[in-house]
Amino acid sequence: MPKPLYKVTFLNAGKVYELYARHVASGALWGFTEVGELVFDVNEGLVVDPTEERLRDEFGNTRLLHLPMHSIVRIEEVEKKSQSAIRDAATGERVVTPFPMPGKPR
């Protein structure tokens, strides 16, 4: 039987993050929830999701994430992974990091 997959939605710095993980448990640190074995898309092709890349850059080397209980919005056990997201907490709109453009020639 495969390990369950969880969609973890939490608040961080005025944004709502949606991450996928294989491990969620009550933490040894009082008031914290442990989230581990984070799952990211592995895209070998040319199409790259900038949100997924940003999340991988921020949390890719994280072994275990300790989230304060009051920052967690929802934890869902899901059948399959969909697109991860970072949303603005006030408006709910997706936060898209613009593609870096070269500077103007001098």
PDB file of N, CA and C in Angstrom:
ATOM      1  N   MET A   1       0.843  -1.181   0.000  1.00  0.00           N
ATOM      2  CA  MET A   1       0.000   0.000   0.000  1.00  0.00           C
ATOM      3  C   MET A   1       0.888   1.245   0.000  1.00  0.00           C
ATOM      4  N   PRO A   2       0.662   2.158  -0.936  1.00  0.00           N
ATOM      5  CA  PRO A   2       1.497   3.367  -0.994  1.00  0.00           C
ATOM      6  C   PRO A   2       1.213   4.299   0.197  1.00  0.00           C
ATOM      7  N   LYS A   3       2.206   5.117   0.514  1.00  0.00           N
ATOM      8  CA  LYS A   3       2.047   6.078   1.596  1.00  0.00           C
ATOM      9  C   LYS A   3       1.000   7.115   1.200  1.00  0.00           C
ATOM     10  N   PRO A   4       0.224   7.601   2.167  1.00  0.00           N
ATOM     11  CA  PRO A   4      -0.787   8.615   1.829  1.00  0.00           C
ATOM     12  C   PRO A   4      -0.135   9.917   1.367  1.00  0.00           C
ATOM     13  N   LEU A   5      -0.885  10.668   0.597  1.00  0.00           N
ATOM     14  CA  LEU A   5      -0.426  11.962   0.093  1.00  0.00           C
ATOM     15  C   LEU A   5      -1.314  13.043   0.702  1.00  0.00           C
ATOM     16  N   TYR A   6      -0.684  14.073   1.262  1.00  0.00           N
ATOM     17  CA  TYR A   6      -1.400  15.154   1.921  1.00  0.00           C
ATOM     18  C   TYR A   6      -1.168  16.475   1.200  1.00  0.00           C
ATOM     19  N   LYS A   7      -2.232  17.253   1.095  1.00  0.00           N
ATOM     20  CA  LYS A   7      -2.135  18.631   0.602  1.00  0.00           C
ATOM     21  C   LYS A   7      -2.201  19.514   1.848  1.00  0.00           C
ATOM     22  N   VAL A   8      -1.123  20.251   2.100  1.00  0.00           N
ATOM     23  CA  VAL A   8      -1.015  21.089   3.293  1.00  0.00           C
ATOM     24  C   VAL A   8      -1.119  22.546   2.858  1.00  0.00           C
ATOM     25  N   THR A   9      -2.110  23.254   3.394  1.00  0.00           N
ATOM     26  CA  THR A   9      -2.320  24.660   3.091  1.00  0.00           C
ATOM     27  C   THR A   9      -2.028  25.455   4.352  1.00  0.00           C
ATOM     28  N   PHE A  10      -1.090  26.429   4.244  1.00  0.00           N
ATOM     29  CA  PHE A  10      -0.710  27.205   5.423  1.00  0.00           C
ATOM     30  C   PHE A  10      -0.372  28.641   5.048  1.00  0.00           C
ATOM     31  N   LEU A  11      -0.425  29.519   6.043  1.00  0.00           N
ATOM     32  CA  LEU A  11      -0.100  30.938   5.873  1.00  0.00           C
ATOM     33  C   LEU A  11       1.368  31.172   6.195  1.00  0.00           C
ATOM     34  N   ASN A  12       2.012  32.006   5.367  1.00  0.00           N
ATOM     35  CA  ASN A  12       3.406  32.367   5.600  1.00  0.00           C
ATOM     36  C   ASN A  12       3.661  33.725   4.959  1.00  0.00           C
ATOM     37  N   ALA A  13       4.000  34.714   5.768  1.00  0.00           N
ATOM     38  CA  ALA A  13       4.378  36.051   5.293  1.00  0.00           C
ATOM     39  C   ALA A  13       3.323  36.663   4.360  1.00  0.00           C
ATOM     40  N   GLY A  14       2.051  36.590   4.746  1.00  0.00           N
ATOM     41  CA  GLY A  14       0.995  37.204   3.957  1.00  0.00           C
ATOM     42  C   GLY A  14       0.594  36.435   2.712  1.00  0.00           C
ATOM     43  N   LYS A  15       1.074  35.210   2.592  1.00  0.00           N
ATOM     44  CA  LYS A  15       0.741  34.378   1.438  1.00  0.00           C
ATOM     45  C   LYS A  15       0.221  33.032   1.928  1.00  0.00           C
ATOM     46  N   VAL A  16      -0.607  32.398   1.105  1.00  0.00           N
ATOM     47  CA  VAL A  16      -1.121  31.068   1.394  1.00  0.00           C
ATOM     48  C   VAL A  16      -0.344  30.080   0.520  1.00  0.00           C
ATOM     49  N   TYR A  17       0.353  29.159   1.150  1.00  0.00           N
ATOM     50  CA  TYR A  17       1.139  28.153   0.444  1.00  0.00           C
ATOM     51  C   TYR A  17       0.357  26.842   0.403  1.00  0.00           C
ATOM     52  N   GLU A  18       0.434  26.146  -0.726  1.00  0.00           N
ATOM     53  CA  GLU A  18      -0.134  24.805  -0.866  1.00  0.00           C
ATOM     54  C   GLU A  18       1.003  23.869  -1.262  1.00  0.00           C
ATOM     55  N   LEU A  19       1.348  22.960  -0.360  1.00  0.00           N
ATOM     56  CA  LEU A  19       2.418  21.987  -0.587  1.00  0.00           C
ATOM     57  C   LEU A  19       1.854  20.581  -0.475  1.00  0.00           C
ATOM     58  N   TYR A  20       2.550  19.621  -1.070  1.00  0.00           N
ATOM     59  CA  TYR A  20       2.173  18.224  -0.962  1.00  0.00           C
ATOM     60  C   TYR A  20       3.268  17.484  -0.215  1.00  0.00           C
ATOM     61  N   ALA A  21       2.841  16.569   0.678  1.00  0.00           N
ATOM     62  CA  ALA A  21       3.795  15.840   1.507  1.00  0.00           C
ATOM     63  C   ALA A  21       3.290  14.426   1.769  1.00  0.00           C
ATOM     64  N   ARG A  22       4.209  13.541   2.085  1.00  0.00           N
ATOM     65  CA  ARG A  22       3.872  12.154   2.413  1.00  0.00           C
ATOM     66  C   ARG A  22       3.796  11.934   3.927  1.00  0.00           C
ATOM     67  N   HIS A  23       4.333  12.868   4.714  1.00  0.00           N
ATOM     68  CA  HIS A  23       4.357  12.707   6.169  1.00  0.00           C
ATOM     69  C   HIS A  23       3.789  13.961   6.839  1.00  0.00           C
ATOM     70  N   VAL A  24       2.745  13.790   7.659  1.00  0.00           N
ATOM     71  CA  VAL A  24       2.190  14.864   8.484  1.00  0.00           C
ATOM     72  C   VAL A  24       1.913  14.260   9.848  1.00  0.00           C
ATOM     73  N   ALA A  25       2.407  14.927  10.907  1.00  0.00           N
ATOM     74  CA  ALA A  25       2.211  14.402  12.259  1.00  0.00           C
ATOM     75  C   ALA A  25       2.244  15.546  13.258  1.00  0.00           C
ATOM     76  N   SER A  26       1.706  15.264  14.423  1.00  0.00           N
ATOM     77  CA  SER A  26       1.799  16.209  15.520  1.00  0.00           C
ATOM     78  C   SER A  26       3.269  16.263  15.935  1.00  0.00           C
ATOM     79  N   GLY A  27       3.815  17.460  16.064  1.00  0.00           N
ATOM     80  CA  GLY A  27       5.242  17.605  16.302  1.00  0.00           C
ATOM     81  C   GLY A  27       5.661  17.378  17.739  1.00  0.00           C
ATOM     82  N   ALA A  28       6.928  17.076  17.912  1.00  0.00           N
ATOM     83  CA  ALA A  28       7.505  16.939  19.245  1.00  0.00           C
ATOM     84  C   ALA A  28       7.601  18.308  19.920  1.00  0.00           C
ATOM     85  N   LEU A  29       7.702  19.363  19.109  1.00  0.00           N
ATOM     86  CA  LEU A  29       7.684  20.726  19.631  1.00  0.00           C
ATOM     87  C   LEU A  29       6.228  21.101  19.856  1.00  0.00           C
ATOM     88  N   TRP A  30       5.873  21.484  21.060  1.00  0.00           N
ATOM     89  CA  TRP A  30       4.482  21.779  21.376  1.00  0.00           C
ATOM     90  C   TRP A  30       3.964  22.926  20.516  1.00  0.00           C
ATOM     91  N   GLY A  31       2.798  22.736  19.911  1.00  0.00           N
ATOM     92  CA  GLY A  31       2.180  23.773  19.098  1.00  0.00           C
ATOM     93  C   GLY A  31       2.591  23.751  17.635  1.00  0.00           C
ATOM     94  N   PHE A  32       3.384  22.767  17.228  1.00  0.00           N
ATOM     95  CA  PHE A  32       3.845  22.681  15.847  1.00  0.00           C
ATOM     96  C   PHE A  32       3.397  21.373  15.209  1.00  0.00           C
ATOM     97  N   THR A  33       3.200  21.403  13.902  1.00  0.00           N
ATOM     98  CA  THR A  33       2.867  20.225  13.114  1.00  0.00           C
ATOM     99  C   THR A  33       4.049  19.924  12.206  1.00  0.00           C
ATOM    100  N   GLU A  34       4.466  18.662  12.183  1.00  0.00           N
ATOM    101  CA  GLU A  34       5.586  18.240  11.331  1.00  0.00           C
ATOM    102  C   GLU A  34       5.071  17.879   9.943  1.00  0.00           C
ATOM    103  N   VAL A  35       5.713  18.415   8.932  1.00  0.00           N
ATOM    104  CA  VAL A  35       5.397  18.087   7.544  1.00  0.00           C
ATOM    105  C   VAL A  35       6.710  17.662   6.891  1.00  0.00           C
ATOM    106  N   GLY A  36       6.746  16.452   6.365  1.00  0.00           N
ATOM    107  CA  GLY A  36       7.983  15.940   5.786  1.00  0.00           C
ATOM    108  C   GLY A  36       7.733  15.192   4.496  1.00  0.00           C
ATOM    109  N   GLU A  37       8.818  14.786   3.869  1.00  0.00           N
ATOM    110  CA  GLU A  37       8.788  14.085   2.588  1.00  0.00           C
ATOM    111  C   GLU A  37       7.966  14.878   1.579  1.00  0.00           C
ATOM    112  N   LEU A  38       8.368  16.134   1.373  1.00  0.00           N
ATOM    113  CA  LEU A  38       7.668  17.016   0.442  1.00  0.00           C
ATOM    114  C   LEU A  38       7.735  16.450  -0.975  1.00  0.00           C
ATOM    115  N   VAL A  39       6.642  16.627  -1.725  1.00  0.00           N
ATOM    116  CA  VAL A  39       6.533  16.087  -3.078  1.00  0.00           C
ATOM    117  C   VAL A  39       6.476  17.251  -4.067  1.00  0.00           C
ATOM    118  N   PHE A  40       7.384  17.223  -5.035  1.00  0.00           N
ATOM    119  CA  PHE A  40       7.418  18.228  -6.092  1.00  0.00           C
ATOM    120  C   PHE A  40       7.330  17.533  -7.436  1.00  0.00           C
ATOM    121  N   ASP A  41       6.805  18.246  -8.450  1.00  0.00           N
ATOM    122  CA  ASP A  41       6.777  17.704  -9.802  1.00  0.00           C
ATOM    123  C   ASP A  41       8.198  17.631 -10.326  1.00  0.00           C
ATOM    124  N   VAL A  42       8.487  16.562 -11.035  1.00  0.00           N
ATOM    125  CA  VAL A  42       9.782  16.432 -11.687  1.00  0.00           C
ATOM    126  C   VAL A  42       9.526  16.577 -13.179  1.00  0.00           C
ATOM    127  N   ASN A  43       9.731  17.788 -13.679  1.00  0.00           N
ATOM    128  CA  ASN A  43       9.487  18.054 -15.097  1.00  0.00           C
ATOM    129  C   ASN A  43      10.799  17.974 -15.851  1.00  0.00           C
ATOM    130  N   GLU A  44      10.839  17.068 -16.778  1.00  0.00           N
ATOM    131  CA  GLU A  44      12.035  16.887 -17.590  1.00  0.00           C
ATOM    132  C   GLU A  44      11.949  17.706 -18.880  1.00  0.00           C
ATOM    133  N   GLY A  45      10.761  18.196 -19.211  1.00  0.00           N
ATOM    134  CA  GLY A  45      10.552  18.881 -20.482  1.00  0.00           C
ATOM    135  C   GLY A  45      10.899  20.354 -20.414  1.00  0.00           C
ATOM    136  N   LEU A  46      10.487  21.067 -21.447  1.00  0.00           N
ATOM    137  CA  LEU A  46      10.782  22.489 -21.552  1.00  0.00           C
ATOM    138  C   LEU A  46       9.827  23.360 -20.761  1.00  0.00           C
ATOM    139  N   VAL A  47       8.600  22.879 -20.521  1.00  0.00           N
ATOM    140  CA  VAL A  47       7.615  23.674 -19.799  1.00  0.00           C
ATOM    141  C   VAL A  47       7.918  23.591 -18.304  1.00  0.00           C
ATOM    142  N   VAL A  48       8.118  24.746 -17.702  1.00  0.00           N
ATOM    143  CA  VAL A  48       8.454  24.803 -16.284  1.00  0.00           C
ATOM    144  C   VAL A  48       7.416  25.668 -15.583  1.00  0.00           C
ATOM    145  N   ASP A  49       6.864  25.142 -14.490  1.00  0.00           N
ATOM    146  CA  ASP A  49       5.907  25.890 -13.687  1.00  0.00           C
ATOM    147  C   ASP A  49       6.704  26.781 -12.727  1.00  0.00           C
ATOM    148  N   PRO A  50       6.604  28.116 -12.850  1.00  0.00           N
ATOM    149  CA  PRO A  50       7.405  28.996 -12.000  1.00  0.00           C
ATOM    150  C   PRO A  50       7.056  28.874 -10.515  1.00  0.00           C
ATOM    151  N   THR A  51       5.801  28.581 -10.197  1.00  0.00           N
ATOM    152  CA  THR A  51       5.425  28.415  -8.793  1.00  0.00           C
ATOM    153  C   THR A  51       6.068  27.172  -8.215  1.00  0.00           C
ATOM    154  N   GLU A  52       6.025  26.084  -8.965  1.00  0.00           N
ATOM    155  CA  GLU A  52       6.644  24.835  -8.514  1.00  0.00           C
ATOM    156  C   GLU A  52       8.152  25.020  -8.334  1.00  0.00           C
ATOM    157  N   GLU A  53       8.788  25.740  -9.250  1.00  0.00           N
ATOM    158  CA  GLU A  53      10.224  26.013  -9.148  1.00  0.00           C
ATOM    159  C   GLU A  53      10.530  26.848  -7.910  1.00  0.00           C
ATOM    160  N   ARG A  54       9.689  27.846  -7.648  1.00  0.00           N
ATOM    161  CA  ARG A  54       9.897  28.709  -6.472  1.00  0.00           C
ATOM    162  C   ARG A  54       9.760  27.898  -5.179  1.00  0.00           C
ATOM    163  N   LEU A  55       8.748  27.021  -5.123  1.00  0.00           N
ATOM    164  CA  LEU A  55       8.573  26.173  -3.948  1.00  0.00           C
ATOM    165  C   LEU A  55       9.729  25.197  -3.792  1.00  0.00           C
ATOM    166  N   ARG A  56      10.200  24.639  -4.899  1.00  0.00           N
ATOM    167  CA  ARG A  56      11.334  23.717  -4.846  1.00  0.00           C
ATOM    168  C   ARG A  56      12.591  24.438  -4.374  1.00  0.00           C
ATOM    169  N   ASP A  57      12.786  25.683  -4.838  1.00  0.00           N
ATOM    170  CA  ASP A  57      13.948  26.456  -4.396  1.00  0.00           C
ATOM    171  C   ASP A  57      13.883  26.749  -2.899  1.00  0.00           C
ATOM    172  N   GLU A  58      12.671  27.058  -2.413  1.00  0.00           N
ATOM    173  CA  GLU A  58      12.521  27.422  -1.002  1.00  0.00           C
ATOM    174  C   GLU A  58      12.528  26.210  -0.077  1.00  0.00           C
ATOM    175  N   PHE A  59      11.882  25.114  -0.479  1.00  0.00           N
ATOM    176  CA  PHE A  59      11.709  23.966   0.403  1.00  0.00           C
ATOM    177  C   PHE A  59      12.370  22.684  -0.096  1.00  0.00           C
ATOM    178  N   GLY A  60      13.105  22.731  -1.195  1.00  0.00           N
ATOM    179  CA  GLY A  60      13.663  21.524  -1.802  1.00  0.00           C
ATOM    180  C   GLY A  60      14.609  20.744  -0.910  1.00  0.00           C
ATOM    181  N   ASN A  61      15.387  21.419  -0.083  1.00  0.00           N
ATOM    182  CA  ASN A  61      16.340  20.740   0.793  1.00  0.00           C
ATOM    183  C   ASN A  61      15.806  20.553   2.210  1.00  0.00           C
ATOM    184  N   THR A  62      14.513  20.803   2.392  1.00  0.00           N
ATOM    185  CA  THR A  62      13.910  20.696   3.713  1.00  0.00           C
ATOM    186  C   THR A  62      13.598  19.244   4.021  1.00  0.00           C
ATOM    187  N   ARG A  63      14.146  18.759   5.109  1.00  0.00           N
ATOM    188  CA  ARG A  63      13.889  17.387   5.523  1.00  0.00           C
ATOM    189  C   ARG A  63      12.581  17.292   6.296  1.00  0.00           C
ATOM    190  N   LEU A  64      12.360  18.244   7.221  1.00  0.00           N
ATOM    191  CA  LEU A  64      11.149  18.260   8.027  1.00  0.00           C
ATOM    192  C   LEU A  64      10.767  19.703   8.297  1.00  0.00           C
ATOM    193  N   LEU A  65       9.552  20.050   7.965  1.00  0.00           N
ATOM    194  CA  LEU A  65       9.047  21.407   8.128  1.00  0.00           C
ATOM    195  C   LEU A  65       8.192  21.441   9.392  1.00  0.00           C
ATOM    196  N   HIS A  66       8.500  22.356  10.320  1.00  0.00           N
ATOM    197  CA  HIS A  66       7.722  22.511  11.543  1.00  0.00           C
ATOM    198  C   HIS A  66       6.850  23.745  11.377  1.00  0.00           C
ATOM    199  N   LEU A  67       5.545  23.536  11.219  1.00  0.00           N
ATOM    200  CA  LEU A  67       4.611  24.635  11.006  1.00  0.00           C
ATOM    201  C   LEU A  67       3.841  24.919  12.289  1.00  0.00           C
ATOM    202  N   PRO A  68       3.756  26.195  12.689  1.00  0.00           N
ATOM    203  CA  PRO A  68       2.924  26.518  13.852  1.00  0.00           C
ATOM    204  C   PRO A  68       1.464  26.146  13.561  1.00  0.00           C
ATOM    205  N   MET A  69       0.794  25.554  14.545  1.00  0.00           N
ATOM    206  CA  MET A  69      -0.580  25.099  14.328  1.00  0.00           C
ATOM    207  C   MET A  69      -1.507  26.226  13.883  1.00  0.00           C
ATOM    208  N   HIS A  70      -1.294  27.427  14.400  1.00  0.00           N
ATOM    209  CA  HIS A  70      -2.189  28.533  14.052  1.00  0.00           C
ATOM    210  C   HIS A  70      -1.998  29.024  12.611  1.00  0.00           C
ATOM    211  N   SER A  71      -0.901  28.626  11.947  1.00  0.00           N
ATOM    212  CA  SER A  71      -0.697  29.053  10.559  1.00  0.00           C
ATOM    213  C   SER A  71      -1.297  28.068   9.556  1.00  0.00           C
ATOM    214  N   ILE A  72      -1.681  26.884   9.999  1.00  0.00           N
ATOM    215  CA  ILE A  72      -2.228  25.871   9.102  1.00  0.00           C
ATOM    216  C   ILE A  72      -3.698  26.172   8.827  1.00  0.00           C
ATOM    217  N   VAL A  73      -4.038  26.253   7.550  1.00  0.00           N
ATOM    218  CA  VAL A  73      -5.412  26.488   7.133  1.00  0.00           C
ATOM    219  C   VAL A  73      -6.150  25.155   7.004  1.00  0.00           C
ATOM    220  N   ARG A  74      -5.500  24.175   6.348  1.00  0.00           N
ATOM    221  CA  ARG A  74      -6.153  22.899   6.102  1.00  0.00           C
ATOM    222  C   ARG A  74      -5.108  21.849   5.734  1.00  0.00           C
ATOM    223  N   ILE A  75      -5.395  20.603   6.110  1.00  0.00           N
ATOM    224  CA  ILE A  75      -4.602  19.453   5.685  1.00  0.00           C
ATOM    225  C   ILE A  75      -5.590  18.448   5.102  1.00  0.00           C
ATOM    226  N   GLU A  76      -5.373  18.070   3.839  1.00  0.00           N
ATOM    227  CA  GLU A  76      -6.265  17.135   3.155  1.00  0.00           C
ATOM    228  C   GLU A  76      -5.481  15.911   2.715  1.00  0.00           C
ATOM    229  N   GLU A  77      -6.063  14.734   2.865  1.00  0.00           N
ATOM    230  CA  GLU A  77      -5.477  13.531   2.285  1.00  0.00           C
ATOM    231  C   GLU A  77      -6.074  13.391   0.891  1.00  0.00           C
ATOM    232  N   VAL A  78      -5.226  13.350  -0.124  1.00  0.00           N
ATOM    233  CA  VAL A  78      -5.688  13.349  -1.512  1.00  0.00           C
ATOM    234  C   VAL A  78      -5.207  12.096  -2.234  1.00  0.00           C
ATOM    235  N   GLU A  79      -5.861  11.800  -3.348  1.00  0.00           N
ATOM    236  CA  GLU A  79      -5.501  10.642  -4.165  1.00  0.00           C
ATOM    237  C   GLU A  79      -4.263  10.903  -5.014  1.00  0.00           C
ATOM    238  N   LYS A  80      -4.215  12.113  -5.623  1.00  0.00           N
ATOM    239  CA  LYS A  80      -3.081  12.432  -6.484  1.00  0.00           C
ATOM    240  C   LYS A  80      -2.726  13.901  -6.341  1.00  0.00           C
ATOM    241  N   LYS A  81      -1.522  14.232  -6.730  1.00  0.00           N
ATOM    242  CA  LYS A  81      -1.008  15.589  -6.634  1.00  0.00           C
ATOM    243  C   LYS A  81      -1.550  16.432  -7.779  1.00  0.00           C
ATOM    244  N   SER A  82      -1.971  17.630  -7.453  1.00  0.00           N
ATOM    245  CA  SER A  82      -2.298  18.601  -8.495  1.00  0.00           C
ATOM    246  C   SER A  82      -1.277  19.724  -8.393  1.00  0.00           C
ATOM    247  N   GLN A  83      -1.556  20.843  -8.987  1.00  0.00           N
ATOM    248  CA  GLN A  83      -0.582  21.928  -9.042  1.00  0.00           C
ATOM    249  C   GLN A  83      -0.442  22.601  -7.675  1.00  0.00           C
ATOM    250  N   SER A  84       0.793  22.761  -7.207  1.00  0.00           N
ATOM    251  CA  SER A  84       1.068  23.503  -5.986  1.00  0.00           C
ATOM    252  C   SER A  84       0.839  24.980  -6.267  1.00  0.00           C
ATOM    253  N   ALA A  85       0.625  25.756  -5.200  1.00  0.00           N
ATOM    254  CA  ALA A  85       0.315  27.166  -5.428  1.00  0.00           C
ATOM    255  C   ALA A  85       0.832  28.036  -4.294  1.00  0.00           C
ATOM    256  N   ILE A  86       1.025  29.298  -4.622  1.00  0.00           N
ATOM    257  CA  ILE A  86       1.272  30.345  -3.641  1.00  0.00           C
ATOM    258  C   ILE A  86       0.253  31.427  -3.977  1.00  0.00           C
ATOM    259  N   ARG A  87      -0.576  31.777  -3.009  1.00  0.00           N
ATOM    260  CA  ARG A  87      -1.632  32.767  -3.233  1.00  0.00           C
ATOM    261  C   ARG A  87      -1.464  33.928  -2.263  1.00  0.00           C
ATOM    262  N   ASP A  88      -1.964  35.078  -2.675  1.00  0.00           N
ATOM    263  CA  ASP A  88      -2.002  36.234  -1.797  1.00  0.00           C
ATOM    264  C   ASP A  88      -3.100  35.977  -0.760  1.00  0.00           C
ATOM    265  N   ALA A  89      -2.793  36.154   0.522  1.00  0.00           N
ATOM    266  CA  ALA A  89      -3.757  35.841   1.574  1.00  0.00           C
ATOM    267  C   ALA A  89      -4.972  36.752   1.537  1.00  0.00           C
ATOM    268  N   ALA A  90      -4.805  38.006   1.133  1.00  0.00           N
ATOM    269  CA  ALA A  90      -5.922  38.960   1.128  1.00  0.00           C
ATOM    270  C   ALA A  90      -6.855  38.747  -0.057  1.00  0.00           C
ATOM    271  N   THR A  91      -6.297  38.561  -1.248  1.00  0.00           N
ATOM    272  CA  THR A  91      -7.126  38.483  -2.451  1.00  0.00           C
ATOM    273  C   THR A  91      -7.379  37.053  -2.918  1.00  0.00           C
ATOM    274  N   GLY A  92      -6.515  36.115  -2.564  1.00  0.00           N
ATOM    275  CA  GLY A  92      -6.648  34.743  -3.025  1.00  0.00           C
ATOM    276  C   GLY A  92      -6.083  34.509  -4.410  1.00  0.00           C
ATOM    277  N   GLU A  93      -5.544  35.564  -5.030  1.00  0.00           N
ATOM    278  CA  GLU A  93      -4.976  35.426  -6.372  1.00  0.00           C
ATOM    279  C   GLU A  93      -3.615  34.754  -6.297  1.00  0.00           C
ATOM    280  N   ARG A  94      -3.311  33.982  -7.333  1.00  0.00           N
ATOM    281  CA  ARG A  94      -1.998  33.333  -7.390  1.00  0.00           C
ATOM    282  C   ARG A  94      -0.893  34.373  -7.501  1.00  0.00           C
ATOM    283  N   VAL A  95       0.178  34.129  -6.771  1.00  0.00           N
ATOM    284  CA  VAL A  95       1.347  34.994  -6.836  1.00  0.00           C
ATOM    285  C   VAL A  95       2.278  34.374  -7.858  1.00  0.00           C
ATOM    286  N   VAL A  96       2.494  35.087  -8.942  1.00  0.00           N
ATOM    287  CA  VAL A  96       3.342  34.583 -10.016  1.00  0.00           C
ATOM    288  C   VAL A  96       4.627  35.387 -10.016  1.00  0.00           C
ATOM    289  N   THR A  97       5.726  34.683  -9.951  1.00  0.00           N
ATOM    290  CA  THR A  97       7.013  35.345 -10.034  1.00  0.00           C
ATOM    291  C   THR A  97       7.305  35.615 -11.498  1.00  0.00           C
ATOM    292  N   PRO A  98       7.501  36.884 -11.878  1.00  0.00           N
ATOM    293  CA  PRO A  98       7.760  37.167 -13.282  1.00  0.00           C
ATOM    294  C   PRO A  98       9.075  36.563 -13.743  1.00  0.00           C
ATOM    295  N   PHE A  99       9.105  36.186 -15.006  1.00  0.00           N
ATOM    296  CA  PHE A  99      10.313  35.629 -15.593  1.00  0.00           C
ATOM    297  C   PHE A  99      11.376  36.740 -15.643  1.00  0.00           C
ATOM    298  N   PRO A 100      12.601  36.474 -15.178  1.00  0.00           N
ATOM    299  CA  PRO A 100      13.605  37.526 -15.186  1.00  0.00           C
ATOM    300  C   PRO A 100      13.944  37.974 -16.610  1.00  0.00           C
ATOM    301  N   MET A 101      13.912  39.251 -16.813  1.00  0.00           N
ATOM    302  CA  MET A 101      14.212  39.817 -18.121  1.00  0.00           C
ATOM    303  C   MET A 101      15.575  40.488 -18.064  1.00  0.00           C
ATOM    304  N   PRO A 102      16.302  40.460 -19.177  1.00  0.00           N
ATOM    305  CA  PRO A 102      17.602  41.129 -19.184  1.00  0.00           C
ATOM    306  C   PRO A 102      17.420  42.637 -19.066  1.00  0.00           C
ATOM    307  N   GLY A 103      18.427  43.272 -18.504  1.00  0.00           N
ATOM    308  CA  GLY A 103      18.378  44.718 -18.359  1.00  0.00           C
ATOM    309  C   GLY A 103      18.438  45.421 -19.710  1.00  0.00           C
ATOM    310  N   LYS A 104      18.071  46.690 -19.691  1.00  0.00           N
ATOM    311  CA  LYS A 104      18.098  47.478 -20.928  1.00  0.00           C
ATOM    312  C   LYS A 104      19.556  47.696 -21.345  1.00  0.00           C
ATOM    313  N   PRO A 105      19.829  47.606 -22.649  1.00  0.00           N
ATOM    314  CA  PRO A 105      21.201  47.884 -23.112  1.00  0.00           C
ATOM    315  C   PRO A 105      21.538  49.350 -22.872  1.00  0.00           C
ATOM    316  N   ARG A 106      22.780  49.596 -22.594  1.00  0.00           N
ATOM    317  CA  ARG A 106      23.212  50.980 -22.315  1.00  0.00           C
ATOM    318  C   ARG A 106      23.731  51.653 -23.543  1.00  0.00           C
TER     319      ARG A 106
END
